[in-house]
Amino acid sequence: MNVRDLLKLEDLKVAVEGDMDQEVTGGYMGDLLSVVMGNAEEGEAWITIQSHVNIIAVASLRGVPVIIIAHGFEPDEDTIETAKDEEITIMTTELPPFQIAKKLITEFGL
């Protein structure tokens, strides 16, 4: 599946449209950036409540094509602009991290 396929979930909205054709191979959920840097794998959708610009650096470093910001948090302008530059998609949801992860697993088998 690719990033665009995630939009089949009504709970997700696009905050930044990056490369929507990138492949999504799994998922990773975490908020501590150093742990995500050490453990997220290329191609995984990353679920977090973090919304600051440093998430883009981590996603770029690890080859994460899409960041899902959960619990109603929204990215700031610096994060949005940096995500555009790096072509990393940011999606947001009102759902808590566990609930959106459950939907990704149920709907897409991630």
N, C-alpha and C. Protein backbone atom coordinates (compact mmCIF):
# COMPACT_ATOMS: atom_id res chain seq x y z
N MET A 1 0.83 -1.17 0.00
CA MET A 1 0.00 0.00 0.00
C MET A 1 0.88 1.24 0.00
N ASN A 2 0.28 2.37 -0.32
CA ASN A 2 1.05 3.61 -0.30
C ASN A 2 0.40 4.62 0.65
N VAL A 3 1.05 5.75 0.83
CA VAL A 3 0.58 6.77 1.76
C VAL A 3 -0.84 7.19 1.43
N ARG A 4 -1.14 7.36 0.16
CA ARG A 4 -2.48 7.79 -0.27
C ARG A 4 -3.57 6.85 0.23
N ASP A 5 -3.28 5.56 0.29
CA ASP A 5 -4.26 4.57 0.74
C ASP A 5 -4.74 4.84 2.17
N LEU A 6 -3.90 5.45 2.99
CA LEU A 6 -4.28 5.73 4.37
C LEU A 6 -5.49 6.66 4.46
N LEU A 7 -5.72 7.44 3.42
CA LEU A 7 -6.84 8.38 3.43
C LEU A 7 -8.19 7.69 3.36
N LYS A 8 -8.19 6.38 3.16
CA LYS A 8 -9.44 5.62 3.22
C LYS A 8 -10.02 5.66 4.63
N LEU A 9 -9.19 5.94 5.62
CA LEU A 9 -9.66 6.10 6.99
C LEU A 9 -10.20 7.52 7.17
N GLU A 10 -11.46 7.64 7.48
CA GLU A 10 -12.08 8.96 7.66
C GLU A 10 -11.49 9.73 8.83
N ASP A 11 -10.83 9.03 9.73
CA ASP A 11 -10.27 9.67 10.92
C ASP A 11 -8.99 10.45 10.64
N LEU A 12 -8.41 10.29 9.45
CA LEU A 12 -7.16 10.97 9.12
C LEU A 12 -7.41 12.13 8.17
N LYS A 13 -6.72 13.23 8.41
CA LYS A 13 -6.75 14.35 7.47
C LYS A 13 -5.31 14.75 7.16
N VAL A 14 -5.10 15.23 5.96
CA VAL A 14 -3.76 15.61 5.52
C VAL A 14 -3.46 17.04 5.95
N ALA A 15 -2.36 17.20 6.68
CA ALA A 15 -1.88 18.53 7.05
C ALA A 15 -0.81 18.99 6.07
N VAL A 16 0.00 18.03 5.58
CA VAL A 16 1.03 18.29 4.58
C VAL A 16 1.03 17.12 3.62
N GLU A 17 0.90 17.42 2.34
CA GLU A 17 0.95 16.37 1.33
C GLU A 17 2.37 16.25 0.80
N GLY A 18 3.03 15.16 1.18
CA GLY A 18 4.36 14.88 0.67
C GLY A 18 4.24 13.96 -0.53
N ASP A 19 5.11 13.00 -0.63
CA ASP A 19 5.06 12.01 -1.71
C ASP A 19 4.03 10.95 -1.33
N MET A 20 2.82 11.11 -1.85
CA MET A 20 1.70 10.24 -1.49
C MET A 20 1.81 8.85 -2.12
N ASP A 21 2.76 8.68 -3.03
CA ASP A 21 2.94 7.38 -3.69
C ASP A 21 3.98 6.51 -3.00
N GLN A 22 4.61 7.02 -1.96
CA GLN A 22 5.61 6.21 -1.24
C GLN A 22 4.94 5.00 -0.59
N GLU A 23 5.65 3.91 -0.56
CA GLU A 23 5.13 2.68 0.01
C GLU A 23 5.14 2.74 1.54
N VAL A 24 4.07 2.21 2.13
CA VAL A 24 3.97 2.07 3.58
C VAL A 24 4.03 0.57 3.87
N THR A 25 5.03 0.17 4.65
CA THR A 25 5.28 -1.26 4.88
C THR A 25 4.93 -1.73 6.29
N GLY A 26 4.63 -0.79 7.16
CA GLY A 26 4.32 -1.14 8.54
C GLY A 26 4.06 0.12 9.33
N GLY A 27 4.12 0.00 10.64
CA GLY A 27 3.87 1.16 11.48
C GLY A 27 4.77 1.16 12.70
N TYR A 28 4.96 2.34 13.25
CA TYR A 28 5.74 2.51 14.46
C TYR A 28 5.04 3.57 15.31
N MET A 29 4.92 3.33 16.61
CA MET A 29 4.28 4.29 17.50
C MET A 29 5.25 4.65 18.61
N GLY A 30 5.54 5.94 18.75
CA GLY A 30 6.43 6.38 19.79
C GLY A 30 6.56 7.89 19.81
N ASP A 31 6.88 8.42 21.00
CA ASP A 31 7.00 9.86 21.17
C ASP A 31 8.40 10.32 21.55
N LEU A 32 9.21 9.42 22.04
CA LEU A 32 10.57 9.78 22.42
C LEU A 32 11.45 9.70 21.16
N LEU A 33 11.88 10.84 20.67
CA LEU A 33 12.55 10.91 19.37
C LEU A 33 13.78 10.03 19.27
N SER A 34 14.55 9.94 20.33
CA SER A 34 15.76 9.11 20.27
C SER A 34 15.40 7.63 20.12
N VAL A 35 14.30 7.21 20.70
CA VAL A 35 13.86 5.82 20.56
C VAL A 35 13.36 5.58 19.13
N VAL A 36 12.63 6.52 18.59
CA VAL A 36 12.14 6.40 17.20
C VAL A 36 13.34 6.36 16.25
N MET A 37 14.33 7.21 16.48
CA MET A 37 15.53 7.22 15.63
C MET A 37 16.24 5.88 15.64
N GLY A 38 16.22 5.21 16.76
CA GLY A 38 16.91 3.94 16.87
C GLY A 38 16.11 2.73 16.44
N ASN A 39 14.79 2.89 16.28
CA ASN A 39 13.97 1.70 16.06
C ASN A 39 13.00 1.74 14.88
N ALA A 40 12.55 2.90 14.46
CA ALA A 40 11.64 2.97 13.32
C ALA A 40 12.36 2.48 12.08
N GLU A 41 11.62 1.80 11.22
CA GLU A 41 12.23 1.27 9.99
C GLU A 41 11.71 2.02 8.77
N GLU A 42 12.51 2.03 7.74
CA GLU A 42 12.14 2.68 6.49
C GLU A 42 10.79 2.16 6.00
N GLY A 43 9.94 3.07 5.59
CA GLY A 43 8.64 2.70 5.04
C GLY A 43 7.52 2.63 6.06
N GLU A 44 7.83 2.77 7.34
CA GLU A 44 6.79 2.68 8.35
C GLU A 44 6.05 4.00 8.52
N ALA A 45 4.73 3.91 8.76
CA ALA A 45 3.94 5.07 9.18
C ALA A 45 4.23 5.27 10.66
N TRP A 46 4.54 6.49 11.04
CA TRP A 46 4.91 6.79 12.42
C TRP A 46 3.77 7.52 13.11
N ILE A 47 3.28 6.97 14.19
CA ILE A 47 2.22 7.58 14.99
C ILE A 47 2.87 8.22 16.23
N THR A 48 2.55 9.49 16.47
CA THR A 48 3.12 10.23 17.59
C THR A 48 2.17 11.32 18.03
N ILE A 49 2.42 11.90 19.19
CA ILE A 49 1.72 13.12 19.58
C ILE A 49 2.63 14.34 19.42
N GLN A 50 3.89 14.10 19.07
CA GLN A 50 4.83 15.20 18.84
C GLN A 50 4.42 15.94 17.57
N SER A 51 4.59 17.26 17.57
CA SER A 51 4.18 18.03 16.40
C SER A 51 5.18 19.12 16.02
N HIS A 52 6.35 19.12 16.65
CA HIS A 52 7.36 20.15 16.37
C HIS A 52 8.28 19.72 15.22
N VAL A 53 9.08 20.62 14.77
CA VAL A 53 9.90 20.43 13.57
C VAL A 53 10.87 19.26 13.67
N ASN A 54 11.29 18.88 14.85
CA ASN A 54 12.26 17.78 14.98
C ASN A 54 11.71 16.43 14.50
N ILE A 55 10.39 16.28 14.44
CA ILE A 55 9.84 15.02 13.94
C ILE A 55 10.17 14.82 12.46
N ILE A 56 10.32 15.91 11.74
CA ILE A 56 10.64 15.81 10.32
C ILE A 56 12.07 15.32 10.15
N ALA A 57 12.98 15.80 10.97
CA ALA A 57 14.37 15.34 10.90
C ALA A 57 14.45 13.85 11.18
N VAL A 58 13.72 13.38 12.19
CA VAL A 58 13.73 11.96 12.52
C VAL A 58 13.13 11.14 11.38
N ALA A 59 12.00 11.59 10.85
CA ALA A 59 11.36 10.87 9.75
C ALA A 59 12.27 10.80 8.52
N SER A 60 12.92 11.89 8.22
CA SER A 60 13.84 11.93 7.07
C SER A 60 15.02 10.98 7.29
N LEU A 61 15.58 11.01 8.47
CA LEU A 61 16.72 10.16 8.81
C LEU A 61 16.37 8.68 8.69
N ARG A 62 15.17 8.30 9.10
CA ARG A 62 14.76 6.89 9.14
C ARG A 62 14.01 6.44 7.90
N GLY A 63 13.71 7.33 6.96
CA GLY A 63 12.98 6.95 5.75
C GLY A 63 11.50 6.70 6.00
N VAL A 64 10.94 7.44 6.95
CA VAL A 64 9.52 7.34 7.27
C VAL A 64 8.75 8.24 6.30
N PRO A 65 7.81 7.67 5.52
CA PRO A 65 7.12 8.46 4.51
C PRO A 65 5.94 9.28 5.03
N VAL A 66 5.40 8.90 6.20
CA VAL A 66 4.22 9.59 6.72
C VAL A 66 4.24 9.60 8.24
N ILE A 67 3.95 10.77 8.79
CA ILE A 67 3.82 10.93 10.23
C ILE A 67 2.35 11.18 10.52
N ILE A 68 1.81 10.42 11.45
CA ILE A 68 0.43 10.62 11.89
C ILE A 68 0.48 11.23 13.29
N ILE A 69 0.03 12.47 13.39
CA ILE A 69 0.01 13.16 14.67
C ILE A 69 -1.37 12.93 15.29
N ALA A 70 -1.36 12.27 16.44
CA ALA A 70 -2.60 11.83 17.08
C ALA A 70 -3.07 12.78 18.18
N HIS A 71 -4.21 12.47 18.72
CA HIS A 71 -4.80 13.11 19.91
C HIS A 71 -5.18 14.56 19.67
N GLY A 72 -5.37 14.95 18.40
CA GLY A 72 -5.80 16.31 18.09
C GLY A 72 -4.69 17.34 18.03
N PHE A 73 -3.45 16.92 18.21
CA PHE A 73 -2.34 17.87 18.10
C PHE A 73 -2.13 18.24 16.63
N GLU A 74 -1.66 19.45 16.39
CA GLU A 74 -1.45 19.97 15.04
C GLU A 74 0.00 20.44 14.88
N PRO A 75 0.56 20.27 13.68
CA PRO A 75 1.94 20.76 13.45
C PRO A 75 1.97 22.28 13.36
N ASP A 76 3.08 22.87 13.81
CA ASP A 76 3.24 24.31 13.68
C ASP A 76 3.76 24.65 12.28
N GLU A 77 3.87 25.94 11.99
CA GLU A 77 4.26 26.38 10.64
C GLU A 77 5.66 25.91 10.25
N ASP A 78 6.61 25.93 11.17
CA ASP A 78 7.96 25.44 10.86
C ASP A 78 7.93 23.97 10.47
N THR A 79 7.15 23.20 11.18
CA THR A 79 7.03 21.77 10.89
C THR A 79 6.40 21.57 9.52
N ILE A 80 5.37 22.31 9.22
CA ILE A 80 4.68 22.20 7.92
C ILE A 80 5.64 22.54 6.79
N GLU A 81 6.35 23.64 6.91
CA GLU A 81 7.27 24.06 5.84
C GLU A 81 8.41 23.06 5.65
N THR A 82 8.95 22.55 6.75
CA THR A 82 10.05 21.58 6.65
C THR A 82 9.55 20.27 6.05
N ALA A 83 8.36 19.85 6.41
CA ALA A 83 7.78 18.63 5.84
C ALA A 83 7.59 18.78 4.33
N LYS A 84 7.15 19.95 3.89
CA LYS A 84 7.00 20.20 2.45
C LYS A 84 8.36 20.09 1.75
N ASP A 85 9.38 20.69 2.35
CA ASP A 85 10.72 20.65 1.77
C ASP A 85 11.24 19.21 1.66
N GLU A 86 10.94 18.38 2.65
CA GLU A 86 11.43 17.00 2.70
C GLU A 86 10.47 16.01 2.02
N GLU A 87 9.31 16.51 1.55
CA GLU A 87 8.27 15.67 0.92
C GLU A 87 7.80 14.55 1.83
N ILE A 88 7.64 14.87 3.11
CA ILE A 88 7.12 13.92 4.09
C ILE A 88 5.68 14.31 4.38
N THR A 89 4.79 13.36 4.24
CA THR A 89 3.38 13.60 4.50
C THR A 89 3.13 13.64 6.01
N ILE A 90 2.32 14.61 6.42
CA ILE A 90 1.84 14.66 7.79
C ILE A 90 0.33 14.53 7.76
N MET A 91 -0.19 13.59 8.53
CA MET A 91 -1.62 13.45 8.72
C MET A 91 -1.92 13.67 10.19
N THR A 92 -3.13 14.14 10.48
CA THR A 92 -3.54 14.34 11.85
C THR A 92 -4.83 13.59 12.11
N THR A 93 -5.06 13.32 13.39
CA THR A 93 -6.29 12.65 13.82
C THR A 93 -6.64 13.11 15.22
N GLU A 94 -7.92 13.11 15.51
CA GLU A 94 -8.40 13.40 16.86
C GLU A 94 -8.25 12.17 17.77
N LEU A 95 -8.08 11.00 17.17
CA LEU A 95 -8.00 9.76 17.94
C LEU A 95 -6.70 9.69 18.74
N PRO A 96 -6.73 9.01 19.89
CA PRO A 96 -5.49 8.74 20.61
C PRO A 96 -4.62 7.75 19.82
N PRO A 97 -3.33 7.71 20.10
CA PRO A 97 -2.42 6.85 19.34
C PRO A 97 -2.87 5.38 19.26
N PHE A 98 -3.28 4.80 20.38
CA PHE A 98 -3.66 3.40 20.37
C PHE A 98 -4.83 3.14 19.42
N GLN A 99 -5.81 4.04 19.42
CA GLN A 99 -7.00 3.86 18.59
C GLN A 99 -6.68 3.97 17.10
N ILE A 100 -5.83 4.91 16.71
CA ILE A 100 -5.49 5.01 15.28
C ILE A 100 -4.61 3.83 14.87
N ALA A 101 -3.74 3.37 15.78
CA ALA A 101 -2.92 2.19 15.47
C ALA A 101 -3.82 0.98 15.26
N LYS A 102 -4.81 0.81 16.11
CA LYS A 102 -5.74 -0.29 15.98
C LYS A 102 -6.45 -0.25 14.63
N LYS A 103 -6.86 0.94 14.20
CA LYS A 103 -7.52 1.06 12.89
C LYS A 103 -6.56 0.72 11.74
N LEU A 104 -5.31 1.15 11.83
CA LEU A 104 -4.34 0.82 10.78
C LEU A 104 -4.12 -0.69 10.69
N ILE A 105 -4.10 -1.33 11.83
CA ILE A 105 -3.92 -2.79 11.85
C ILE A 105 -5.16 -3.49 11.30
N THR A 106 -6.33 -3.06 11.76
CA THR A 106 -7.58 -3.69 11.34
C THR A 106 -7.87 -3.47 9.85
N GLU A 107 -7.69 -2.24 9.39
CA GLU A 107 -8.05 -1.89 8.01
C GLU A 107 -6.99 -2.29 6.99
N PHE A 108 -5.73 -2.20 7.37
CA PHE A 108 -4.65 -2.38 6.40
C PHE A 108 -3.68 -3.50 6.73
N GLY A 109 -3.82 -4.09 7.89
CA GLY A 109 -2.93 -5.17 8.28
C GLY A 109 -1.52 -4.73 8.60
N LEU A 110 -1.35 -3.47 8.93
CA LEU A 110 0.01 -2.96 9.24
C LEU A 110 0.50 -3.49 10.56
